[in-house]
Amino acid sequence: MTAEGVGDGLLVVDKPAGWTSHDVVARARRLCGTRRVGHAGTLDPMATGVLVLGVNRGTKLLTFLVGHDKGYAATVRLGLSTLTDDAEGETTGGADAGDLDDAQVREAVAGLTGAVQQVPSAVSAVKVDGRRSYARVRSGEEVELAARPVTVHRFEVLRRRDEVLEDGRRVVDLDVEVDVSSGTYVRALARDLGAALGVGGHLTALRRTRVGGYTLDRAVTLDQLDPDTGDGPSAHLLDLAAAARAALDVRQLDEAEARALGYGQRVPSAVPGRTSPVAAVGPDGTLVAVLDESGPTARAHVVLAPAGQK
C-alpha cells in the first residue's frame, strides 16, 4: 500500500541487513507514493542503522548532509583478512591472534585515531577511470586506490572476545565504537588494525548509529513506514524546518528577510565568514532557504519557500 499526500522532509530509517541503500529508497518511493526520494550516503548491504532519506523537497537538503560526521558500532575480527575487508569476502590471509595482549591492541587503535591517511577498501564505491572500484574487483581486476585524508575522532574498544574457529585458528573479536569524518571506511579501519598488529583483520558487523545530528533513537523501520504494518511515512516525516534544525546552523529571519530570500534576493549575512550552510527559518517556522554566509551578503544555496508559493 502507498501513502497519500506525503509531504516534504526527511525520513530517518533503520536499514535492515541484506538490503542495499537503493532497495530502501525503492521501497520508500512506493510507500510515499512519489519518485522524489533519495538518500544522504549509502550503507553496505551487510550494514544496518541510520539511513537518511529525503522525500519530495526534502531531497534538496541531502547535499548538505552527505559531508557530516558519522558514528558506528562495529565488530572487528583479528586474525583473518578477506578480499572485501568484511565477512562477505573470501579469506585471503591471516595469522594466529590468540597471543595479542590488550596493550598491543590499544597502541594499534591509538595509531589509527585522529587525522590519518586511509586507503579505501578495494570494493568501495570510489570511481577508477569512470568505473566503481567494487565493479572492477568483482570482474577480476586488481585495483590500487590512493590514500586520502580522513579523521577518526573516536575509536573505542568496548569488549574483547577470544575465539577458536573450527579449523583451530585463534581469532580475537573486538566490539568497537567509532566516530569518523565523511568518507572514512570502517572496513578499512578493521583491515588496517589487523595489518598494524600483523595478524590481518576484517569487519564482521556494522551498525551506523549517527549521521550528523540524526541518531539511531529517532530512526524507524520499514515496517513502521508501511501503512499495512505500521503508521505510515507521514507519521515519521521530519518536516523541512525540523530536519534542517537537526543538522545545520540556524538563522531566524524577520518578515522582510524571508520575503527577500523568497524572491531570490540577497540579505546581509548574520555571521559573515561562516563557512557551514545555514538554515534560514521564517517567522512562521517555515524553512525558507539554506544560505551561504561566507561573504558579507548571504546567498541562497537553495530556496525552499519561494515567494507566493503556499
C-alpha atoms as a PDB file:
ATOM      1  CA  MET A   1       0.000   0.000   0.000  1.00  0.00           C
ATOM      2  CA  THR A   2       1.232   3.534  -0.676  1.00  0.00           C
ATOM      3  CA  ALA A   3       0.650   6.620   1.435  1.00  0.00           C
ATOM      4  CA  GLU A   4      -1.367   9.516   0.062  1.00  0.00           C
ATOM      5  CA  GLY A   5      -0.195  13.104   0.384  1.00  0.00           C
ATOM      6  CA  VAL A   6       3.203  12.519   1.986  1.00  0.00           C
ATOM      7  CA  GLY A   7       4.784  15.932   2.411  1.00  0.00           C
ATOM      8  CA  ASP A   8       8.300  17.334   2.196  1.00  0.00           C
ATOM      9  CA  GLY A   9      11.032  16.378   4.611  1.00  0.00           C
ATOM     10  CA  LEU A  10      13.353  13.654   5.813  1.00  0.00           C
ATOM     11  CA  LEU A  11      12.864  10.090   6.976  1.00  0.00           C
ATOM     12  CA  VAL A  12      15.493   8.558   9.243  1.00  0.00           C
ATOM     13  CA  VAL A  13      15.352   4.838   8.504  1.00  0.00           C
ATOM     14  CA  ASP A  14      16.933   1.931  10.378  1.00  0.00           C
ATOM     15  CA  LYS A  15      18.197  -0.014   7.366  1.00  0.00           C
ATOM     16  CA  PRO A  16      17.852  -3.786   7.691  1.00  0.00           C
ATOM     17  CA  ALA A  17      20.714  -6.174   6.961  1.00  0.00           C
ATOM     18  CA  GLY A  18      20.780  -7.607   3.455  1.00  0.00           C
ATOM     19  CA  TRP A  19      19.190  -4.555   1.824  1.00  0.00           C
ATOM     20  CA  THR A  20      21.106  -2.165  -0.387  1.00  0.00           C
ATOM     21  CA  SER A  21      20.524   1.544   0.112  1.00  0.00           C
ATOM     22  CA  HIS A  22      18.878   1.570  -3.325  1.00  0.00           C
ATOM     23  CA  ASP A  23      16.483  -1.172  -2.148  1.00  0.00           C
ATOM     24  CA  VAL A  24      15.435   1.040   0.765  1.00  0.00           C
ATOM     25  CA  VAL A  25      14.942   4.060  -1.494  1.00  0.00           C
ATOM     26  CA  ALA A  26      12.826   1.987  -3.898  1.00  0.00           C
ATOM     27  CA  ARG A  27      10.672   0.745  -1.020  1.00  0.00           C
ATOM     28  CA  ALA A  28      10.270   4.276   0.359  1.00  0.00           C
ATOM     29  CA  ARG A  29       9.198   5.553  -3.066  1.00  0.00           C
ATOM     30  CA  ARG A  30       6.371   3.031  -3.134  1.00  0.00           C
ATOM     31  CA  LEU A  31       5.323   3.746   0.448  1.00  0.00           C
ATOM     32  CA  CYS A  32       5.459   7.528  -0.017  1.00  0.00           C
ATOM     33  CA  GLY A  33       3.797   7.473  -3.430  1.00  0.00           C
ATOM     34  CA  THR A  34       6.499   9.636  -5.021  1.00  0.00           C
ATOM     35  CA  ARG A  35       9.601   9.150  -7.141  1.00  0.00           C
ATOM     36  CA  ARG A  36      11.273  12.054  -5.363  1.00  0.00           C
ATOM     37  CA  VAL A  37      13.144  10.071  -2.720  1.00  0.00           C
ATOM     38  CA  GLY A  38      16.936   9.975  -2.307  1.00  0.00           C
ATOM     39  CA  HIS A  39      19.491   9.196   0.383  1.00  0.00           C
ATOM     40  CA  ALA A  40      22.327  11.073   2.099  1.00  0.00           C
ATOM     41  CA  GLY A  41      25.015   8.387   1.830  1.00  0.00           C
ATOM     42  CA  THR A  42      24.954   4.655   1.264  1.00  0.00           C
ATOM     43  CA  LEU A  43      25.327   1.748   3.654  1.00  0.00           C
ATOM     44  CA  ASP A  44      26.727  -1.630   2.597  1.00  0.00           C
ATOM     45  CA  PRO A  45      24.147  -4.441   2.347  1.00  0.00           C
ATOM     46  CA  MET A  46      25.589  -6.193   5.433  1.00  0.00           C
ATOM     47  CA  ALA A  47      25.316  -2.997   7.494  1.00  0.00           C
ATOM     48  CA  THR A  48      22.305  -1.793   9.459  1.00  0.00           C
ATOM     49  CA  GLY A  49      21.364   1.502  11.021  1.00  0.00           C
ATOM     50  CA  VAL A  50      20.831   5.131  10.138  1.00  0.00           C
ATOM     51  CA  LEU A  51      20.000   5.863   6.510  1.00  0.00           C
ATOM     52  CA  VAL A  52      18.690   9.399   5.935  1.00  0.00           C
ATOM     53  CA  LEU A  53      16.143   9.726   3.134  1.00  0.00           C
ATOM     54  CA  GLY A  54      14.887  12.944   1.564  1.00  0.00           C
ATOM     55  CA  VAL A  55      11.280  13.000   0.364  1.00  0.00           C
ATOM     56  CA  ASN A  56       9.967  15.478  -2.239  1.00  0.00           C
ATOM     57  CA  ARG A  57      11.537  18.885  -1.489  1.00  0.00           C
ATOM     58  CA  GLY A  58      13.486  17.193   1.304  1.00  0.00           C
ATOM     59  CA  THR A  59      15.797  15.822  -1.385  1.00  0.00           C
ATOM     60  CA  LYS A  60      17.173  19.368  -1.701  1.00  0.00           C
ATOM     61  CA  LEU A  61      18.622  19.069   1.811  1.00  0.00           C
ATOM     62  CA  LEU A  62      20.567  15.874   1.121  1.00  0.00           C
ATOM     63  CA  THR A  63      23.577  17.587  -0.447  1.00  0.00           C
ATOM     64  CA  PHE A  64      24.149  19.428   2.861  1.00  0.00           C
ATOM     65  CA  LEU A  65      24.113  16.179   4.858  1.00  0.00           C
ATOM     66  CA  VAL A  66      26.465  13.958   2.852  1.00  0.00           C
ATOM     67  CA  GLY A  67      29.593  15.502   4.382  1.00  0.00           C
ATOM     68  CA  HIS A  68      28.523  15.168   8.026  1.00  0.00           C
ATOM     69  CA  ASP A  69      30.487  13.092  10.530  1.00  0.00           C
ATOM     70  CA  LYS A  70      29.109   9.626  11.219  1.00  0.00           C
ATOM     71  CA  GLY A  71      29.058   7.212  14.143  1.00  0.00           C
ATOM     72  CA  TYR A  72      29.213   3.411  14.023  1.00  0.00           C
ATOM     73  CA  ALA A  73      29.150   0.372  16.262  1.00  0.00           C
ATOM     74  CA  ALA A  74      31.137  -2.490  14.730  1.00  0.00           C
ATOM     75  CA  THR A  75      32.816  -5.809  15.356  1.00  0.00           C
ATOM     76  CA  VAL A  76      36.377  -6.333  14.107  1.00  0.00           C
ATOM     77  CA  ARG A  77      37.779  -9.841  13.806  1.00  0.00           C
ATOM     78  CA  LEU A  78      41.565 -10.001  14.199  1.00  0.00           C
ATOM     79  CA  GLY A  79      43.391 -12.999  12.754  1.00  0.00           C
ATOM     80  CA  LEU A  80      41.823 -13.177   9.287  1.00  0.00           C
ATOM     81  CA  SER A  81      41.959 -10.927   6.224  1.00  0.00           C
ATOM     82  CA  THR A  82      39.334 -11.040   3.472  1.00  0.00           C
ATOM     83  CA  LEU A  83      39.106  -9.814  -0.109  1.00  0.00           C
ATOM     84  CA  THR A  84      36.386  -7.327   0.766  1.00  0.00           C
ATOM     85  CA  ASP A  85      37.656  -6.396   4.255  1.00  0.00           C
ATOM     86  CA  ASP A  86      34.381  -7.732   5.661  1.00  0.00           C
ATOM     87  CA  ALA A  87      32.760 -11.084   6.376  1.00  0.00           C
ATOM     88  CA  GLU A  88      31.237 -11.352   2.902  1.00  0.00           C
ATOM     89  CA  GLY A  89      34.590 -11.789   1.148  1.00  0.00           C
ATOM     90  CA  GLU A  90      36.753 -14.865   0.799  1.00  0.00           C
ATOM     91  CA  THR A  91      39.647 -15.282   3.220  1.00  0.00           C
ATOM     92  CA  THR A  92      42.941 -14.050   1.788  1.00  0.00           C
ATOM     93  CA  GLY A  93      45.291 -14.458   4.754  1.00  0.00           C
ATOM     94  CA  GLY A  94      45.816 -14.012   8.462  1.00  0.00           C
ATOM     95  CA  ALA A  95      47.821 -15.180  11.423  1.00  0.00           C
ATOM     96  CA  ASP A  96      47.102 -16.553  14.897  1.00  0.00           C
ATOM     97  CA  ALA A  97      45.785 -13.690  17.035  1.00  0.00           C
ATOM     98  CA  GLY A  98      45.478 -15.555  20.332  1.00  0.00           C
ATOM     99  CA  ASP A  99      48.658 -14.119  21.804  1.00  0.00           C
ATOM    100  CA  LEU A 100      47.746 -10.463  21.244  1.00  0.00           C
ATOM    101  CA  ASP A 101      47.609  -8.599  24.523  1.00  0.00           C
ATOM    102  CA  ASP A 102      45.362  -5.638  25.264  1.00  0.00           C
ATOM    103  CA  ALA A 103      48.250  -3.182  25.355  1.00  0.00           C
ATOM    104  CA  GLN A 104      49.182  -4.072  21.775  1.00  0.00           C
ATOM    105  CA  VAL A 105      45.601  -3.558  20.674  1.00  0.00           C
ATOM    106  CA  ARG A 106      45.340  -0.202  22.462  1.00  0.00           C
ATOM    107  CA  GLU A 107      48.559   1.009  20.823  1.00  0.00           C
ATOM    108  CA  ALA A 108      47.370  -0.016  17.342  1.00  0.00           C
ATOM    109  CA  VAL A 109      43.970   1.619  17.896  1.00  0.00           C
ATOM    110  CA  ALA A 110      45.666   4.842  19.013  1.00  0.00           C
ATOM    111  CA  GLY A 111      47.725   4.808  15.815  1.00  0.00           C
ATOM    112  CA  LEU A 112      44.507   4.800  13.783  1.00  0.00           C
ATOM    113  CA  THR A 113      42.879   7.640  15.737  1.00  0.00           C
ATOM    114  CA  GLY A 114      42.999  11.277  14.683  1.00  0.00           C
ATOM    115  CA  ALA A 115      43.966  12.563  11.246  1.00  0.00           C
ATOM    116  CA  VAL A 116      45.083   9.593   9.153  1.00  0.00           C
ATOM    117  CA  GLN A 117      45.740   8.727   5.528  1.00  0.00           C
ATOM    118  CA  GLN A 118      43.373   5.895   4.643  1.00  0.00           C
ATOM    119  CA  VAL A 119      43.336   3.728   1.525  1.00  0.00           C
ATOM    120  CA  PRO A 120      39.654   2.932   0.819  1.00  0.00           C
ATOM    121  CA  SER A 121      38.600  -0.684   0.610  1.00  0.00           C
ATOM    122  CA  ALA A 122      39.065  -2.056  -2.906  1.00  0.00           C
ATOM    123  CA  VAL A 123      35.357  -2.931  -3.015  1.00  0.00           C
ATOM    124  CA  SER A 124      34.293   0.629  -2.201  1.00  0.00           C
ATOM    125  CA  ALA A 125      32.229   2.853  -4.486  1.00  0.00           C
ATOM    126  CA  VAL A 126      35.275   5.005  -5.340  1.00  0.00           C
ATOM    127  CA  LYS A 127      35.472   5.515  -9.090  1.00  0.00           C
ATOM    128  CA  VAL A 128      38.573   4.470 -11.051  1.00  0.00           C
ATOM    129  CA  ASP A 129      38.577   5.787 -14.626  1.00  0.00           C
ATOM    130  CA  GLY A 130      34.813   6.141 -14.521  1.00  0.00           C
ATOM    131  CA  ARG A 131      34.025   2.702 -13.064  1.00  0.00           C
ATOM    132  CA  ARG A 132      33.292   1.830  -9.445  1.00  0.00           C
ATOM    133  CA  SER A 133      36.190   0.123  -7.730  1.00  0.00           C
ATOM    134  CA  TYR A 134      33.981  -2.726  -6.500  1.00  0.00           C
ATOM    135  CA  ALA A 135      32.871  -3.462 -10.084  1.00  0.00           C
ATOM    136  CA  ARG A 136      36.494  -3.738 -11.203  1.00  0.00           C
ATOM    137  CA  VAL A 137      37.371  -6.057  -8.300  1.00  0.00           C
ATOM    138  CA  ARG A 138      34.375  -8.297  -8.942  1.00  0.00           C
ATOM    139  CA  SER A 139      35.342  -8.607 -12.611  1.00  0.00           C
ATOM    140  CA  GLY A 140      38.746  -9.915 -11.559  1.00  0.00           C
ATOM    141  CA  GLU A 141      40.842  -6.762 -11.871  1.00  0.00           C
ATOM    142  CA  GLU A 142      43.445  -5.723  -9.321  1.00  0.00           C
ATOM    143  CA  VAL A 143      42.698  -2.252  -8.014  1.00  0.00           C
ATOM    144  CA  GLU A 144      45.056   0.055  -6.152  1.00  0.00           C
ATOM    145  CA  LEU A 145      43.425   3.120  -4.664  1.00  0.00           C
ATOM    146  CA  ALA A 146      45.228   6.209  -3.447  1.00  0.00           C
ATOM    147  CA  ALA A 147      45.232   7.110   0.243  1.00  0.00           C
ATOM    148  CA  ARG A 148      43.036  10.014   1.270  1.00  0.00           C
ATOM    149  CA  PRO A 149      42.922  12.116   4.426  1.00  0.00           C
ATOM    150  CA  VAL A 150      40.177  11.223   6.908  1.00  0.00           C
ATOM    151  CA  THR A 151      39.654  11.873  10.606  1.00  0.00           C
ATOM    152  CA  VAL A 152      38.842   9.224  13.184  1.00  0.00           C
ATOM    153  CA  HIS A 153      37.515  11.330  16.051  1.00  0.00           C
ATOM    154  CA  ARG A 154      36.947   8.365  18.370  1.00  0.00           C
ATOM    155  CA  PHE A 155      37.975   4.698  18.153  1.00  0.00           C
ATOM    156  CA  GLU A 156      36.991   2.898  21.340  1.00  0.00           C
ATOM    157  CA  VAL A 157      37.207  -0.820  22.126  1.00  0.00           C
ATOM    158  CA  LEU A 158      34.239  -1.797  24.289  1.00  0.00           C
ATOM    159  CA  ARG A 159      34.929  -5.515  24.743  1.00  0.00           C
ATOM    160  CA  ARG A 160      37.152  -8.348  23.559  1.00  0.00           C
ATOM    161  CA  ARG A 161      36.221 -11.961  22.868  1.00  0.00           C
ATOM    162  CA  ASP A 162      38.834 -14.628  22.156  1.00  0.00           C
ATOM    163  CA  GLU A 163      37.519 -17.365  19.861  1.00  0.00           C
ATOM    164  CA  VAL A 164      38.827 -20.638  18.417  1.00  0.00           C
ATOM    165  CA  LEU A 165      37.490 -21.454  14.951  1.00  0.00           C
ATOM    166  CA  GLU A 166      36.565 -24.938  13.757  1.00  0.00           C
ATOM    167  CA  ASP A 167      39.921 -25.278  11.990  1.00  0.00           C
ATOM    168  CA  GLY A 168      41.758 -24.454  15.228  1.00  0.00           C
ATOM    169  CA  ARG A 169      42.756 -20.919  14.335  1.00  0.00           C
ATOM    170  CA  ARG A 170      42.602 -18.421  17.181  1.00  0.00           C
ATOM    171  CA  VAL A 171      40.944 -15.078  16.454  1.00  0.00           C
ATOM    172  CA  VAL A 172      40.020 -12.050  18.534  1.00  0.00           C
ATOM    173  CA  ASP A 173      36.706 -10.255  18.106  1.00  0.00           C
ATOM    174  CA  LEU A 174      36.596  -6.613  19.198  1.00  0.00           C
ATOM    175  CA  ASP A 175      33.330  -4.744  19.679  1.00  0.00           C
ATOM    176  CA  VAL A 176      34.150  -1.118  18.914  1.00  0.00           C
ATOM    177  CA  GLU A 177      32.531   2.279  18.514  1.00  0.00           C
ATOM    178  CA  VAL A 178      33.909   4.895  16.139  1.00  0.00           C
ATOM    179  CA  ASP A 179      33.089   8.481  15.205  1.00  0.00           C
ATOM    180  CA  VAL A 180      34.572   9.404  11.853  1.00  0.00           C
ATOM    181  CA  SER A 181      34.598  12.074   9.193  1.00  0.00           C
ATOM    182  CA  SER A 182      32.652  11.601   5.997  1.00  0.00           C
ATOM    183  CA  GLY A 183      34.470   9.340   3.535  1.00  0.00           C
ATOM    184  CA  THR A 184      36.004   7.095   6.205  1.00  0.00           C
ATOM    185  CA  TYR A 185      35.609   3.354   5.582  1.00  0.00           C
ATOM    186  CA  VAL A 186      35.129   1.351   8.772  1.00  0.00           C
ATOM    187  CA  ARG A 187      36.036  -1.806   6.809  1.00  0.00           C
ATOM    188  CA  ALA A 188      39.365  -0.190   6.031  1.00  0.00           C
ATOM    189  CA  LEU A 189      39.857   0.606   9.731  1.00  0.00           C
ATOM    190  CA  ALA A 190      39.362  -3.088  10.526  1.00  0.00           C
ATOM    191  CA  ARG A 191      41.801  -4.058   7.780  1.00  0.00           C
ATOM    192  CA  ASP A 192      44.406  -1.539   8.916  1.00  0.00           C
ATOM    193  CA  LEU A 193      44.083  -2.531  12.577  1.00  0.00           C
ATOM    194  CA  GLY A 194      44.765  -6.155  11.643  1.00  0.00           C
ATOM    195  CA  ALA A 195      47.706  -5.094   9.485  1.00  0.00           C
ATOM    196  CA  ALA A 196      49.193  -2.948  12.266  1.00  0.00           C
ATOM    197  CA  LEU A 197      49.046  -5.947  14.602  1.00  0.00           C
ATOM    198  CA  GLY A 198      50.493  -8.295  11.975  1.00  0.00           C
ATOM    199  CA  VAL A 199      47.591 -10.757  12.070  1.00  0.00           C
ATOM    200  CA  GLY A 200      45.103  -9.431   9.496  1.00  0.00           C
ATOM    201  CA  GLY A 201      41.627  -8.153  10.218  1.00  0.00           C
ATOM    202  CA  HIS A 202      38.183  -7.651   8.781  1.00  0.00           C
ATOM    203  CA  LEU A 203      34.751  -6.388   9.744  1.00  0.00           C
ATOM    204  CA  THR A 204      32.069  -8.860  10.824  1.00  0.00           C
ATOM    205  CA  ALA A 205      29.272  -6.471  11.846  1.00  0.00           C
ATOM    206  CA  LEU A 206      28.494  -2.797  11.231  1.00  0.00           C
ATOM    207  CA  ARG A 207      25.686  -0.590  12.523  1.00  0.00           C
ATOM    208  CA  ARG A 208      25.540   3.129  11.766  1.00  0.00           C
ATOM    209  CA  THR A 209      24.354   4.963  14.847  1.00  0.00           C
ATOM    210  CA  ARG A 210      24.512   8.562  13.652  1.00  0.00           C
ATOM    211  CA  VAL A 211      24.668  10.795  10.586  1.00  0.00           C
ATOM    212  CA  GLY A 212      25.370  14.317  11.824  1.00  0.00           C
ATOM    213  CA  GLY A 213      22.517  15.163  14.178  1.00  0.00           C
ATOM    214  CA  TYR A 214      20.319  12.274  13.060  1.00  0.00           C
ATOM    215  CA  THR A 215      20.679   9.459  15.554  1.00  0.00           C
ATOM    216  CA  LEU A 216      19.511   5.882  15.798  1.00  0.00           C
ATOM    217  CA  ASP A 217      16.997   6.696  18.540  1.00  0.00           C
ATOM    218  CA  ARG A 218      14.884   8.611  16.002  1.00  0.00           C
ATOM    219  CA  ALA A 219      15.203   6.023  13.230  1.00  0.00           C
ATOM    220  CA  VAL A 220      12.206   3.910  12.192  1.00  0.00           C
ATOM    221  CA  THR A 221      11.957   0.543  10.492  1.00  0.00           C
ATOM    222  CA  LEU A 222      10.489  -0.105   7.066  1.00  0.00           C
ATOM    223  CA  ASP A 223       7.633  -1.947   8.779  1.00  0.00           C
ATOM    224  CA  GLN A 224       6.803   1.231  10.699  1.00  0.00           C
ATOM    225  CA  LEU A 225       6.703   3.168   7.410  1.00  0.00           C
ATOM    226  CA  ASP A 226       4.326   0.651   5.835  1.00  0.00           C
ATOM    227  CA  PRO A 227       0.645   1.544   6.462  1.00  0.00           C
ATOM    228  CA  ASP A 228      -0.179  -2.170   6.466  1.00  0.00           C
ATOM    229  CA  THR A 229       2.141  -2.938   9.395  1.00  0.00           C
ATOM    230  CA  GLY A 230       2.815   0.471  10.951  1.00  0.00           C
ATOM    231  CA  ASP A 231       1.502   4.012  10.966  1.00  0.00           C
ATOM    232  CA  GLY A 232       2.884   5.060   7.569  1.00  0.00           C
ATOM    233  CA  PRO A 233       5.573   7.505   6.435  1.00  0.00           C
ATOM    234  CA  SER A 234       3.672  10.718   7.221  1.00  0.00           C
ATOM    235  CA  ALA A 235       3.759   9.912  10.945  1.00  0.00           C
ATOM    236  CA  HIS A 236       7.559   9.784  10.907  1.00  0.00           C
ATOM    237  CA  LEU A 237       8.427  12.505   8.383  1.00  0.00           C
ATOM    238  CA  LEU A 238      10.599  15.298   9.775  1.00  0.00           C
ATOM    239  CA  ASP A 239       9.335  18.489   8.150  1.00  0.00           C
ATOM    240  CA  LEU A 240      11.867  20.677   6.377  1.00  0.00           C
ATOM    241  CA  ALA A 241      12.434  23.054   9.293  1.00  0.00           C
ATOM    242  CA  ALA A 242      12.822  20.289  11.885  1.00  0.00           C
ATOM    243  CA  ALA A 243      15.115  18.359   9.543  1.00  0.00           C
ATOM    244  CA  ALA A 244      17.321  21.400   8.969  1.00  0.00           C
ATOM    245  CA  ARG A 245      17.461  22.316  12.656  1.00  0.00           C
ATOM    246  CA  ALA A 246      18.806  18.846  13.471  1.00  0.00           C
ATOM    247  CA  ALA A 247      21.752  19.189  11.112  1.00  0.00           C
ATOM    248  CA  LEU A 248      22.572  22.816  10.266  1.00  0.00           C
ATOM    249  CA  ASP A 249      23.306  26.138  11.895  1.00  0.00           C
ATOM    250  CA  VAL A 250      20.039  28.070  12.154  1.00  0.00           C
ATOM    251  CA  ARG A 251      19.287  31.718  11.400  1.00  0.00           C
ATOM    252  CA  GLN A 252      15.937  33.208  12.389  1.00  0.00           C
ATOM    253  CA  LEU A 253      14.629  35.604   9.722  1.00  0.00           C
ATOM    254  CA  ASP A 254      12.317  38.562  10.084  1.00  0.00           C
ATOM    255  CA  GLU A 255       9.451  39.108   7.651  1.00  0.00           C
ATOM    256  CA  ALA A 256      11.447  41.361   5.337  1.00  0.00           C
ATOM    257  CA  GLU A 257      14.383  38.948   5.121  1.00  0.00           C
ATOM    258  CA  ALA A 258      12.091  35.990   4.484  1.00  0.00           C
ATOM    259  CA  ARG A 259      10.304  37.898   1.713  1.00  0.00           C
ATOM    260  CA  ALA A 260      13.576  38.982   0.090  1.00  0.00           C
ATOM    261  CA  LEU A 261      15.002  35.465   0.073  1.00  0.00           C
ATOM    262  CA  GLY A 262      11.714  34.129  -1.278  1.00  0.00           C
ATOM    263  CA  TYR A 263      12.124  36.451  -4.250  1.00  0.00           C
ATOM    264  CA  GLY A 264      15.696  35.286  -4.807  1.00  0.00           C
ATOM    265  CA  GLN A 265      17.299  38.406  -3.365  1.00  0.00           C
ATOM    266  CA  ARG A 266      20.303  38.546  -1.064  1.00  0.00           C
ATOM    267  CA  VAL A 267      20.283  39.666   2.548  1.00  0.00           C
ATOM    268  CA  PRO A 268      23.144  40.714   4.844  1.00  0.00           C
ATOM    269  CA  SER A 269      24.984  37.772   6.410  1.00  0.00           C
ATOM    270  CA  ALA A 270      24.217  37.291  10.102  1.00  0.00           C
ATOM    271  CA  VAL A 271      27.699  35.842  10.697  1.00  0.00           C
ATOM    272  CA  PRO A 272      29.909  36.940   7.779  1.00  0.00           C
ATOM    273  CA  GLY A 273      32.629  34.420   7.021  1.00  0.00           C
ATOM    274  CA  ARG A 274      30.657  31.439   8.295  1.00  0.00           C
ATOM    275  CA  THR A 275      31.611  28.517   6.051  1.00  0.00           C
ATOM    276  CA  SER A 276      28.945  25.986   7.013  1.00  0.00           C
ATOM    277  CA  PRO A 277      25.497  26.080   5.364  1.00  0.00           C
ATOM    278  CA  VAL A 278      22.823  27.908   7.344  1.00  0.00           C
ATOM    279  CA  ALA A 279      19.149  27.027   7.659  1.00  0.00           C
ATOM    280  CA  ALA A 280      17.161  30.263   7.312  1.00  0.00           C
ATOM    281  CA  VAL A 281      13.811  29.943   9.121  1.00  0.00           C
ATOM    282  CA  GLY A 282      10.977  32.404   8.710  1.00  0.00           C
ATOM    283  CA  PRO A 283       8.867  33.958  11.488  1.00  0.00           C
ATOM    284  CA  ASP A 284       6.178  31.320  10.920  1.00  0.00           C
ATOM    285  CA  GLY A 285       8.693  28.475  11.392  1.00  0.00           C
ATOM    286  CA  THR A 286       8.981  27.649   7.688  1.00  0.00           C
ATOM    287  CA  LEU A 287      12.387  26.754   6.262  1.00  0.00           C
ATOM    288  CA  VAL A 288      12.830  29.493   3.672  1.00  0.00           C
ATOM    289  CA  ALA A 289      16.299  28.671   2.333  1.00  0.00           C
ATOM    290  CA  VAL A 290      19.720  27.214   3.016  1.00  0.00           C
ATOM    291  CA  LEU A 291      22.238  30.050   2.927  1.00  0.00           C
ATOM    292  CA  ASP A 292      25.897  30.628   2.172  1.00  0.00           C
ATOM    293  CA  GLU A 293      27.106  33.317   4.581  1.00  0.00           C
ATOM    294  CA  SER A 294      30.775  33.161   3.634  1.00  0.00           C
ATOM    295  CA  GLY A 295      30.605  36.743   2.339  1.00  0.00           C
ATOM    296  CA  PRO A 296      29.142  39.997   3.674  1.00  0.00           C
ATOM    297  CA  THR A 297      25.827  39.218   1.954  1.00  0.00           C
ATOM    298  CA  ALA A 298      24.149  35.837   2.152  1.00  0.00           C
ATOM    299  CA  ARG A 299      23.177  33.988  -0.999  1.00  0.00           C
ATOM    300  CA  ALA A 300      20.818  31.062  -1.146  1.00  0.00           C
ATOM    301  CA  HIS A 301      22.233  27.621  -1.927  1.00  0.00           C
ATOM    302  CA  VAL A 302      18.605  26.625  -2.395  1.00  0.00           C
ATOM    303  CA  VAL A 303      15.261  28.337  -1.765  1.00  0.00           C
ATOM    304  CA  LEU A 304      12.685  26.033  -0.176  1.00  0.00           C
ATOM    305  CA  ALA A 305       9.840  28.542   0.131  1.00  0.00           C
ATOM    306  CA  PRO A 306       9.696  30.748  -2.977  1.00  0.00           C
ATOM    307  CA  ALA A 307       7.631  33.915  -2.599  1.00  0.00           C
ATOM    308  CA  GLY A 308       3.975  33.355  -3.437  1.00  0.00           C
ATOM    309  CA  GLN A 309       4.165  29.579  -3.007  1.00  0.00           C
ATOM    310  CA  LYS A 310       1.906  28.066  -0.413  1.00  0.00           C
END
